[in-house]
């Protein structure tokens, strides 16, 4: 039996007012062993410096680099991700944050791991403040597991042959998701109407969309030992609205919801 064809990939990169980190992220995308087919920057209201950076990269970027921007209206990650998803033209959407440095096999690993009727969440390696500042100052993305300043080194071990064996790891734990490293089939996102824009402020939007996908029959899979990312240090964002978001997520769980009213349909 022939192996299914590798999907075309839209890489969505969320960012907000941190062009120094986004610069390292874009450098790491360029150096991928397998490039995505397009990159879409989901910009939640950044100032002009981010626009200038993206325009500079657009002059020579190896694949289409699309900038989707919205006015700054507080933390509106669900909204800008939906707008970016509607601009995506490829079958498979890999989603990251702009404060990540991608290991050079990141896109290749996600393509190999992709499987119909499922969505994927990966993990991240945490870099401390000192290492993060050093990389930003030097404009370098050279990181190894021996680098001083990595907190959870185990998440950086890459052994692709083990990834399939670990795909059911913590499968029943909906809180075990990393929105900064996820992948979906575009048609599955359309089916559940994308992210729920009732979620504002930090937290739970990724868990909630995961619940709706699961309720729709889309299986959650975890990618370990592959698709590795390194997280650039920053202070934690405020969690002021988390109680409200927790209530929204609980409603999705109790009602077994598969669709949100305020989602992708606004932009299609």
C-alpha atoms as a PDB file:
ATOM      1  CA  UNK A   1       0.000   0.000   0.000  1.00  0.00           C
ATOM      2  CA  UNK A   2       1.409   3.405  -0.967  1.00  0.00           C
ATOM      3  CA  UNK A   3       2.030   5.977   1.728  1.00  0.00           C
ATOM      4  CA  UNK A   4      -0.367   8.988   1.744  1.00  0.00           C
ATOM      5  CA  UNK A   5       1.082  12.072   0.089  1.00  0.00           C
ATOM      6  CA  UNK A   6       2.663  14.630   2.379  1.00  0.00           C
ATOM      7  CA  UNK A   7       0.283  17.568   2.912  1.00  0.00           C
ATOM      8  CA  UNK A   8       0.924  21.133   1.805  1.00  0.00           C
ATOM      9  CA  UNK A   9       1.522  23.344   4.849  1.00  0.00           C
ATOM     10  CA  UNK A  10       0.457  26.831   5.875  1.00  0.00           C
ATOM     11  CA  UNK A  11       2.538  27.951   8.860  1.00  0.00           C
ATOM     12  CA  UNK A  12       0.692  30.497  11.026  1.00  0.00           C
ATOM     13  CA  UNK A  13       2.869  32.581  13.352  1.00  0.00           C
ATOM     14  CA  UNK A  14       1.136  34.626  16.066  1.00  0.00           C
ATOM     15  CA  UNK A  15       2.883  37.794  17.215  1.00  0.00           C
ATOM     16  CA  UNK A  16       2.399  40.985  19.186  1.00  0.00           C
ATOM     17  CA  UNK A  17       4.899  43.828  19.537  1.00  0.00           C
ATOM     18  CA  UNK A  18       8.084  41.792  19.814  1.00  0.00           C
ATOM     19  CA  UNK A  19       9.928  42.102  16.493  1.00  0.00           C
ATOM     20  CA  UNK A  20      13.230  40.994  18.047  1.00  0.00           C
ATOM     21  CA  UNK A  21      11.770  37.580  18.866  1.00  0.00           C
ATOM     22  CA  UNK A  22       9.861  37.372  15.588  1.00  0.00           C
ATOM     23  CA  UNK A  23      13.125  38.014  13.754  1.00  0.00           C
ATOM     24  CA  UNK A  24      14.697  34.906  15.306  1.00  0.00           C
ATOM     25  CA  UNK A  25      11.568  32.911  14.551  1.00  0.00           C
ATOM     26  CA  UNK A  26      11.665  33.905  10.874  1.00  0.00           C
ATOM     27  CA  UNK A  27      15.363  33.078  10.678  1.00  0.00           C
ATOM     28  CA  UNK A  28      14.591  29.589  11.984  1.00  0.00           C
ATOM     29  CA  UNK A  29      11.817  29.154   9.393  1.00  0.00           C
ATOM     30  CA  UNK A  30      14.173  30.040   6.558  1.00  0.00           C
ATOM     31  CA  UNK A  31      16.619  27.392   7.774  1.00  0.00           C
ATOM     32  CA  UNK A  32      14.089  24.550   7.801  1.00  0.00           C
ATOM     33  CA  UNK A  33      15.151  21.360   6.016  1.00  0.00           C
ATOM     34  CA  UNK A  34      11.635  21.275   4.534  1.00  0.00           C
ATOM     35  CA  UNK A  35      10.011  24.661   4.101  1.00  0.00           C
ATOM     36  CA  UNK A  36       6.305  25.331   4.651  1.00  0.00           C
ATOM     37  CA  UNK A  37       4.420  26.256   1.483  1.00  0.00           C
ATOM     38  CA  UNK A  38       3.472  29.643   2.912  1.00  0.00           C
ATOM     39  CA  UNK A  39       3.924  31.600   6.145  1.00  0.00           C
ATOM     40  CA  UNK A  40       1.169  33.781   7.575  1.00  0.00           C
ATOM     41  CA  UNK A  41       1.977  36.246  10.350  1.00  0.00           C
ATOM     42  CA  UNK A  42      -1.065  36.629  12.619  1.00  0.00           C
ATOM     43  CA  UNK A  43      -0.383  40.063  14.111  1.00  0.00           C
ATOM     44  CA  UNK A  44      -2.588  41.097  17.028  1.00  0.00           C
ATOM     45  CA  UNK A  45      -2.047  44.845  16.688  1.00  0.00           C
ATOM     46  CA  UNK A  46       1.734  45.318  16.702  1.00  0.00           C
ATOM     47  CA  UNK A  47       3.266  48.742  16.074  1.00  0.00           C
ATOM     48  CA  UNK A  48       5.074  49.771  12.898  1.00  0.00           C
ATOM     49  CA  UNK A  49       8.370  48.060  13.805  1.00  0.00           C
ATOM     50  CA  UNK A  50       6.856  44.630  13.181  1.00  0.00           C
ATOM     51  CA  UNK A  51       5.471  45.722   9.810  1.00  0.00           C
ATOM     52  CA  UNK A  52       8.899  47.026   8.780  1.00  0.00           C
ATOM     53  CA  UNK A  53      10.563  43.769   9.808  1.00  0.00           C
ATOM     54  CA  UNK A  54       8.088  41.656   7.828  1.00  0.00           C
ATOM     55  CA  UNK A  55       8.403  43.857   4.741  1.00  0.00           C
ATOM     56  CA  UNK A  56      12.174  43.452   4.882  1.00  0.00           C
ATOM     57  CA  UNK A  57      11.831  39.669   4.991  1.00  0.00           C
ATOM     58  CA  UNK A  58       9.239  39.664   2.215  1.00  0.00           C
ATOM     59  CA  UNK A  59      11.886  40.949  -0.223  1.00  0.00           C
ATOM     60  CA  UNK A  60      13.744  37.616  -0.209  1.00  0.00           C
ATOM     61  CA  UNK A  61      11.680  35.097   1.790  1.00  0.00           C
ATOM     62  CA  UNK A  62      11.777  31.657   0.113  1.00  0.00           C
ATOM     63  CA  UNK A  63       7.988  31.138   0.296  1.00  0.00           C
ATOM     64  CA  UNK A  64       5.037  33.572   0.348  1.00  0.00           C
ATOM     65  CA  UNK A  65       5.118  35.614   3.574  1.00  0.00           C
ATOM     66  CA  UNK A  66       1.699  37.089   4.343  1.00  0.00           C
ATOM     67  CA  UNK A  67       1.073  39.708   7.040  1.00  0.00           C
ATOM     68  CA  UNK A  68      -2.415  39.702   8.595  1.00  0.00           C
ATOM     69  CA  UNK A  69      -2.816  42.605  11.020  1.00  0.00           C
ATOM     70  CA  UNK A  70      -5.632  43.886  13.185  1.00  0.00           C
ATOM     71  CA  UNK A  71      -5.902  46.951  15.402  1.00  0.00           C
ATOM     72  CA  UNK A  72      -4.750  46.581  19.000  1.00  0.00           C
ATOM     73  CA  UNK A  73      -7.890  45.851  21.029  1.00  0.00           C
ATOM     74  CA  UNK A  74      -6.312  44.023  23.935  1.00  0.00           C
ATOM     75  CA  UNK A  75      -5.462  40.313  23.839  1.00  0.00           C
ATOM     76  CA  UNK A  76      -7.469  39.026  20.851  1.00  0.00           C
ATOM     77  CA  UNK A  77      -5.531  35.917  19.879  1.00  0.00           C
ATOM     78  CA  UNK A  78      -8.600  33.931  18.821  1.00  0.00           C
ATOM     79  CA  UNK A  79      -9.684  36.699  16.458  1.00  0.00           C
ATOM     80  CA  UNK A  80      -6.330  37.152  14.713  1.00  0.00           C
ATOM     81  CA  UNK A  81      -5.823  33.397  14.393  1.00  0.00           C
ATOM     82  CA  UNK A  82      -9.207  33.103  12.681  1.00  0.00           C
ATOM     83  CA  UNK A  83      -8.293  35.884  10.274  1.00  0.00           C
ATOM     84  CA  UNK A  84      -5.005  34.131   9.496  1.00  0.00           C
ATOM     85  CA  UNK A  85      -6.713  30.760   9.011  1.00  0.00           C
ATOM     86  CA  UNK A  86      -9.024  32.272   6.409  1.00  0.00           C
ATOM     87  CA  UNK A  87      -5.951  33.463   4.477  1.00  0.00           C
ATOM     88  CA  UNK A  88      -4.366  29.999   4.568  1.00  0.00           C
ATOM     89  CA  UNK A  89      -4.534  28.241   1.199  1.00  0.00           C
ATOM     90  CA  UNK A  90      -2.942  24.898   2.075  1.00  0.00           C
ATOM     91  CA  UNK A  91      -4.366  21.611   3.361  1.00  0.00           C
ATOM     92  CA  UNK A  92      -2.573  21.476   6.701  1.00  0.00           C
ATOM     93  CA  UNK A  93      -2.105  24.317   9.176  1.00  0.00           C
ATOM     94  CA  UNK A  94       0.825  24.296  11.566  1.00  0.00           C
ATOM     95  CA  UNK A  95       0.428  26.917  14.278  1.00  0.00           C
ATOM     96  CA  UNK A  96       3.212  28.503  16.337  1.00  0.00           C
ATOM     97  CA  UNK A  97       3.930  31.662  18.291  1.00  0.00           C
ATOM     98  CA  UNK A  98       6.436  34.265  17.184  1.00  0.00           C
ATOM     99  CA  UNK A  99       8.562  33.823  20.307  1.00  0.00           C
ATOM    100  CA  UNK A 100       9.836  30.404  19.218  1.00  0.00           C
ATOM    101  CA  UNK A 101      12.979  29.227  17.485  1.00  0.00           C
ATOM    102  CA  UNK A 102      12.190  26.145  15.401  1.00  0.00           C
ATOM    103  CA  UNK A 103      14.538  23.179  15.269  1.00  0.00           C
ATOM    104  CA  UNK A 104      15.540  22.669  11.632  1.00  0.00           C
ATOM    105  CA  UNK A 105      13.343  19.560  11.151  1.00  0.00           C
ATOM    106  CA  UNK A 106      10.217  21.153  12.651  1.00  0.00           C
ATOM    107  CA  UNK A 107       8.107  21.404   9.483  1.00  0.00           C
ATOM    108  CA  UNK A 108       9.340  18.060   8.159  1.00  0.00           C
ATOM    109  CA  UNK A 109       8.405  16.376  11.450  1.00  0.00           C
ATOM    110  CA  UNK A 110       4.883  17.809  11.415  1.00  0.00           C
ATOM    111  CA  UNK A 111       4.347  16.748   7.799  1.00  0.00           C
ATOM    112  CA  UNK A 112       5.517  13.192   8.507  1.00  0.00           C
ATOM    113  CA  UNK A 113       3.389  12.976  11.668  1.00  0.00           C
ATOM    114  CA  UNK A 114       0.219  14.329  10.038  1.00  0.00           C
ATOM    115  CA  UNK A 115      -2.730  11.976   9.920  1.00  0.00           C
ATOM    116  CA  UNK A 116      -6.317  12.436   8.781  1.00  0.00           C
ATOM    117  CA  UNK A 117      -9.088  12.837  11.376  1.00  0.00           C
ATOM    118  CA  UNK A 118      -6.675  14.112  14.019  1.00  0.00           C
ATOM    119  CA  UNK A 119      -5.083  17.278  15.322  1.00  0.00           C
ATOM    120  CA  UNK A 120      -1.669  17.529  16.947  1.00  0.00           C
ATOM    121  CA  UNK A 121      -0.077  19.274  19.898  1.00  0.00           C
ATOM    122  CA  UNK A 122       3.643  19.388  20.568  1.00  0.00           C
ATOM    123  CA  UNK A 123       5.784  20.660  23.417  1.00  0.00           C
ATOM    124  CA  UNK A 124       8.541  23.236  23.819  1.00  0.00           C
ATOM    125  CA  UNK A 125      11.953  23.676  25.353  1.00  0.00           C
ATOM    126  CA  UNK A 126      12.141  26.628  27.722  1.00  0.00           C
ATOM    127  CA  UNK A 127      15.121  28.979  27.473  1.00  0.00           C
ATOM    128  CA  UNK A 128      16.033  31.139  30.441  1.00  0.00           C
ATOM    129  CA  UNK A 129      16.258  34.919  30.307  1.00  0.00           C
ATOM    130  CA  UNK A 130      20.029  35.063  29.950  1.00  0.00           C
ATOM    131  CA  UNK A 131      20.184  32.707  26.957  1.00  0.00           C
ATOM    132  CA  UNK A 132      17.209  34.408  25.310  1.00  0.00           C
ATOM    133  CA  UNK A 133      18.787  37.859  25.561  1.00  0.00           C
ATOM    134  CA  UNK A 134      22.097  36.504  24.271  1.00  0.00           C
ATOM    135  CA  UNK A 135      20.458  35.076  21.134  1.00  0.00           C
ATOM    136  CA  UNK A 136      18.492  38.277  20.483  1.00  0.00           C
ATOM    137  CA  UNK A 137      21.611  40.423  20.861  1.00  0.00           C
ATOM    138  CA  UNK A 138      23.687  38.213  18.585  1.00  0.00           C
ATOM    139  CA  UNK A 139      20.912  37.672  16.022  1.00  0.00           C
ATOM    140  CA  UNK A 140      21.753  33.953  16.167  1.00  0.00           C
ATOM    141  CA  UNK A 141      19.548  30.864  16.426  1.00  0.00           C
ATOM    142  CA  UNK A 142      22.231  28.285  17.139  1.00  0.00           C
ATOM    143  CA  UNK A 143      20.934  26.132  19.989  1.00  0.00           C
ATOM    144  CA  UNK A 144      21.866  22.623  21.051  1.00  0.00           C
ATOM    145  CA  UNK A 145      20.802  20.514  24.013  1.00  0.00           C
ATOM    146  CA  UNK A 146      24.195  21.349  25.510  1.00  0.00           C
ATOM    147  CA  UNK A 147      23.434  25.079  25.461  1.00  0.00           C
ATOM    148  CA  UNK A 148      23.595  26.670  28.894  1.00  0.00           C
ATOM    149  CA  UNK A 149      20.217  28.084  29.860  1.00  0.00           C
ATOM    150  CA  UNK A 150      17.773  25.364  28.764  1.00  0.00           C
ATOM    151  CA  UNK A 151      15.279  24.445  31.468  1.00  0.00           C
ATOM    152  CA  UNK A 152      13.515  21.254  30.291  1.00  0.00           C
ATOM    153  CA  UNK A 153      16.101  19.659  28.015  1.00  0.00           C
ATOM    154  CA  UNK A 154      14.182  16.389  27.632  1.00  0.00           C
ATOM    155  CA  UNK A 155      11.616  18.137  25.416  1.00  0.00           C
ATOM    156  CA  UNK A 156      14.435  18.815  22.964  1.00  0.00           C
ATOM    157  CA  UNK A 157      15.399  15.195  22.352  1.00  0.00           C
ATOM    158  CA  UNK A 158      14.601  14.279  18.747  1.00  0.00           C
ATOM    159  CA  UNK A 159      14.033  10.565  18.013  1.00  0.00           C
ATOM    160  CA  UNK A 160      11.406  10.488  15.232  1.00  0.00           C
ATOM    161  CA  UNK A 161      11.032   6.684  15.287  1.00  0.00           C
ATOM    162  CA  UNK A 162       9.534   6.989  18.782  1.00  0.00           C
ATOM    163  CA  UNK A 163       7.013   9.705  17.910  1.00  0.00           C
ATOM    164  CA  UNK A 164       4.241   7.381  16.682  1.00  0.00           C
ATOM    165  CA  UNK A 165       4.572   5.245  19.797  1.00  0.00           C
ATOM    166  CA  UNK A 166       3.934   8.291  21.974  1.00  0.00           C
ATOM    167  CA  UNK A 167       0.993   9.787  20.077  1.00  0.00           C
ATOM    168  CA  UNK A 168      -1.545   8.765  22.732  1.00  0.00           C
ATOM    169  CA  UNK A 169       0.453  10.331  25.574  1.00  0.00           C
ATOM    170  CA  UNK A 170      -1.992  12.129  27.937  1.00  0.00           C
ATOM    171  CA  UNK A 171      -4.631  11.882  25.256  1.00  0.00           C
ATOM    172  CA  UNK A 172      -7.505  12.274  27.701  1.00  0.00           C
ATOM    173  CA  UNK A 173      -6.049  15.411  29.337  1.00  0.00           C
ATOM    174  CA  UNK A 174      -7.521  18.372  27.432  1.00  0.00           C
ATOM    175  CA  UNK A 175      -5.315  20.727  29.444  1.00  0.00           C
ATOM    176  CA  UNK A 176      -2.238  19.063  27.940  1.00  0.00           C
ATOM    177  CA  UNK A 177      -2.111  21.227  24.823  1.00  0.00           C
ATOM    178  CA  UNK A 178       0.363  23.852  23.652  1.00  0.00           C
ATOM    179  CA  UNK A 179      -1.210  26.419  21.363  1.00  0.00           C
ATOM    180  CA  UNK A 180       2.278  27.565  20.428  1.00  0.00           C
ATOM    181  CA  UNK A 181       2.920  24.212  18.716  1.00  0.00           C
ATOM    182  CA  UNK A 182      -0.189  22.706  17.160  1.00  0.00           C
ATOM    183  CA  UNK A 183      -1.315  21.398  13.772  1.00  0.00           C
ATOM    184  CA  UNK A 184      -4.737  20.922  12.179  1.00  0.00           C
ATOM    185  CA  UNK A 185      -6.320  19.990   8.873  1.00  0.00           C
ATOM    186  CA  UNK A 186      -7.848  23.174   7.498  1.00  0.00           C
ATOM    187  CA  UNK A 187     -11.152  21.433   6.724  1.00  0.00           C
ATOM    188  CA  UNK A 188     -11.439  20.309  10.354  1.00  0.00           C
ATOM    189  CA  UNK A 189     -11.049  23.909  11.519  1.00  0.00           C
ATOM    190  CA  UNK A 190     -13.777  24.984   9.110  1.00  0.00           C
ATOM    191  CA  UNK A 191     -16.009  22.220  10.458  1.00  0.00           C
ATOM    192  CA  UNK A 192     -15.884  23.584  14.031  1.00  0.00           C
ATOM    193  CA  UNK A 193     -15.800  27.261  12.897  1.00  0.00           C
ATOM    194  CA  UNK A 194     -12.263  27.863  14.106  1.00  0.00           C
ATOM    195  CA  UNK A 195     -11.395  29.651  17.314  1.00  0.00           C
ATOM    196  CA  UNK A 196     -14.115  30.955  19.607  1.00  0.00           C
ATOM    197  CA  UNK A 197     -13.774  34.732  19.726  1.00  0.00           C
ATOM    198  CA  UNK A 198     -15.710  34.888  22.973  1.00  0.00           C
ATOM    199  CA  UNK A 199     -12.292  34.077  24.439  1.00  0.00           C
ATOM    200  CA  UNK A 200     -10.402  37.304  25.123  1.00  0.00           C
ATOM    201  CA  UNK A 201      -7.371  37.723  27.336  1.00  0.00           C
ATOM    202  CA  UNK A 202      -4.895  34.942  27.989  1.00  0.00           C
ATOM    203  CA  UNK A 203      -5.813  31.308  28.232  1.00  0.00           C
ATOM    204  CA  UNK A 204      -7.935  28.287  27.300  1.00  0.00           C
ATOM    205  CA  UNK A 205      -8.759  29.186  23.668  1.00  0.00           C
ATOM    206  CA  UNK A 206      -6.566  26.300  22.494  1.00  0.00           C
ATOM    207  CA  UNK A 207      -8.072  23.827  24.953  1.00  0.00           C
ATOM    208  CA  UNK A 208     -11.595  24.842  23.953  1.00  0.00           C
ATOM    209  CA  UNK A 209     -11.046  24.415  20.223  1.00  0.00           C
ATOM    210  CA  UNK A 210      -9.456  21.067  21.061  1.00  0.00           C
ATOM    211  CA  UNK A 211     -12.632  20.043  22.873  1.00  0.00           C
ATOM    212  CA  UNK A 212     -14.852  20.983  19.927  1.00  0.00           C
ATOM    213  CA  UNK A 213     -12.618  19.053  17.546  1.00  0.00           C
ATOM    214  CA  UNK A 214     -12.756  15.989  19.800  1.00  0.00           C
ATOM    215  CA  UNK A 215     -16.562  16.284  20.086  1.00  0.00           C
ATOM    216  CA  UNK A 216     -16.595  16.330  16.262  1.00  0.00           C
ATOM    217  CA  UNK A 217     -14.730  13.038  16.078  1.00  0.00           C
ATOM    218  CA  UNK A 218     -11.246  14.492  15.491  1.00  0.00           C
ATOM    219  CA  UNK A 219      -8.661  12.690  17.591  1.00  0.00           C
ATOM    220  CA  UNK A 220      -6.083  14.509  19.693  1.00  0.00           C
ATOM    221  CA  UNK A 221      -2.511  13.283  19.148  1.00  0.00           C
ATOM    222  CA  UNK A 222       0.677  14.361  20.894  1.00  0.00           C
ATOM    223  CA  UNK A 223       3.967  14.690  19.045  1.00  0.00           C
ATOM    224  CA  UNK A 224       6.960  13.840  21.249  1.00  0.00           C
ATOM    225  CA  UNK A 225      10.595  13.456  20.186  1.00  0.00           C
ATOM    226  CA  UNK A 226       9.820  15.491  17.029  1.00  0.00           C
ATOM    227  CA  UNK A 227       8.680  18.984  15.962  1.00  0.00           C
ATOM    228  CA  UNK A 228      10.888  20.654  18.561  1.00  0.00           C
ATOM    229  CA  UNK A 229      10.721  24.354  19.397  1.00  0.00           C
ATOM    230  CA  UNK A 230      12.708  26.575  21.756  1.00  0.00           C
ATOM    231  CA  UNK A 231      10.748  29.203  23.660  1.00  0.00           C
ATOM    232  CA  UNK A 232      12.303  32.647  24.066  1.00  0.00           C
ATOM    233  CA  UNK A 233      11.914  33.889  27.634  1.00  0.00           C
ATOM    234  CA  UNK A 234       9.419  36.622  28.496  1.00  0.00           C
ATOM    235  CA  UNK A 235       7.505  37.513  31.677  1.00  0.00           C
ATOM    236  CA  UNK A 236       4.196  35.706  32.023  1.00  0.00           C
ATOM    237  CA  UNK A 237       1.153  37.462  30.596  1.00  0.00           C
ATOM    238  CA  UNK A 238      -1.640  38.562  32.910  1.00  0.00           C
ATOM    239  CA  UNK A 239      -4.271  35.950  33.640  1.00  0.00           C
ATOM    240  CA  UNK A 240      -6.917  38.470  34.664  1.00  0.00           C
ATOM    241  CA  UNK A 241      -9.659  37.006  32.456  1.00  0.00           C
ATOM    242  CA  UNK A 242      -8.896  33.339  33.027  1.00  0.00           C
ATOM    243  CA  UNK A 243     -11.945  32.667  35.229  1.00  0.00           C
ATOM    244  CA  UNK A 244     -14.297  33.777  32.452  1.00  0.00           C
ATOM    245  CA  UNK A 245     -12.419  31.709  29.880  1.00  0.00           C
ATOM    246  CA  UNK A 246     -12.532  28.688  32.195  1.00  0.00           C
ATOM    247  CA  UNK A 247     -16.317  29.056  32.392  1.00  0.00           C
ATOM    248  CA  UNK A 248     -16.616  29.212  28.611  1.00  0.00           C
ATOM    249  CA  UNK A 249     -14.505  26.095  28.268  1.00  0.00           C
ATOM    250  CA  UNK A 250     -16.533  24.291  30.917  1.00  0.00           C
ATOM    251  CA  UNK A 251     -19.708  25.079  28.981  1.00  0.00           C
ATOM    252  CA  UNK A 252     -18.180  23.580  25.822  1.00  0.00           C
ATOM    253  CA  UNK A 253     -17.297  20.451  27.796  1.00  0.00           C
ATOM    254  CA  UNK A 254     -20.702  20.057  29.460  1.00  0.00           C
ATOM    255  CA  UNK A 255     -22.743  20.799  26.337  1.00  0.00           C
ATOM    256  CA  UNK A 256     -20.464  18.704  24.065  1.00  0.00           C
ATOM    257  CA  UNK A 257     -20.324  21.640  21.674  1.00  0.00           C
ATOM    258  CA  UNK A 258     -18.833  21.136  18.224  1.00  0.00           C
ATOM    259  CA  UNK A 259     -19.327  24.642  16.842  1.00  0.00           C
ATOM    260  CA  UNK A 260     -18.849  28.208  18.069  1.00  0.00           C
ATOM    261  CA  UNK A 261     -21.112  31.046  16.962  1.00  0.00           C
ATOM    262  CA  UNK A 262     -18.421  33.727  16.637  1.00  0.00           C
ATOM    263  CA  UNK A 263     -15.608  32.190  14.620  1.00  0.00           C
ATOM    264  CA  UNK A 264     -14.304  31.739  11.091  1.00  0.00           C
ATOM    265  CA  UNK A 265     -17.735  32.320   9.530  1.00  0.00           C
ATOM    266  CA  UNK A 266     -17.302  36.077  10.027  1.00  0.00           C
ATOM    267  CA  UNK A 267     -14.419  36.227   7.532  1.00  0.00           C
ATOM    268  CA  UNK A 268     -15.306  33.617   4.921  1.00  0.00           C
END
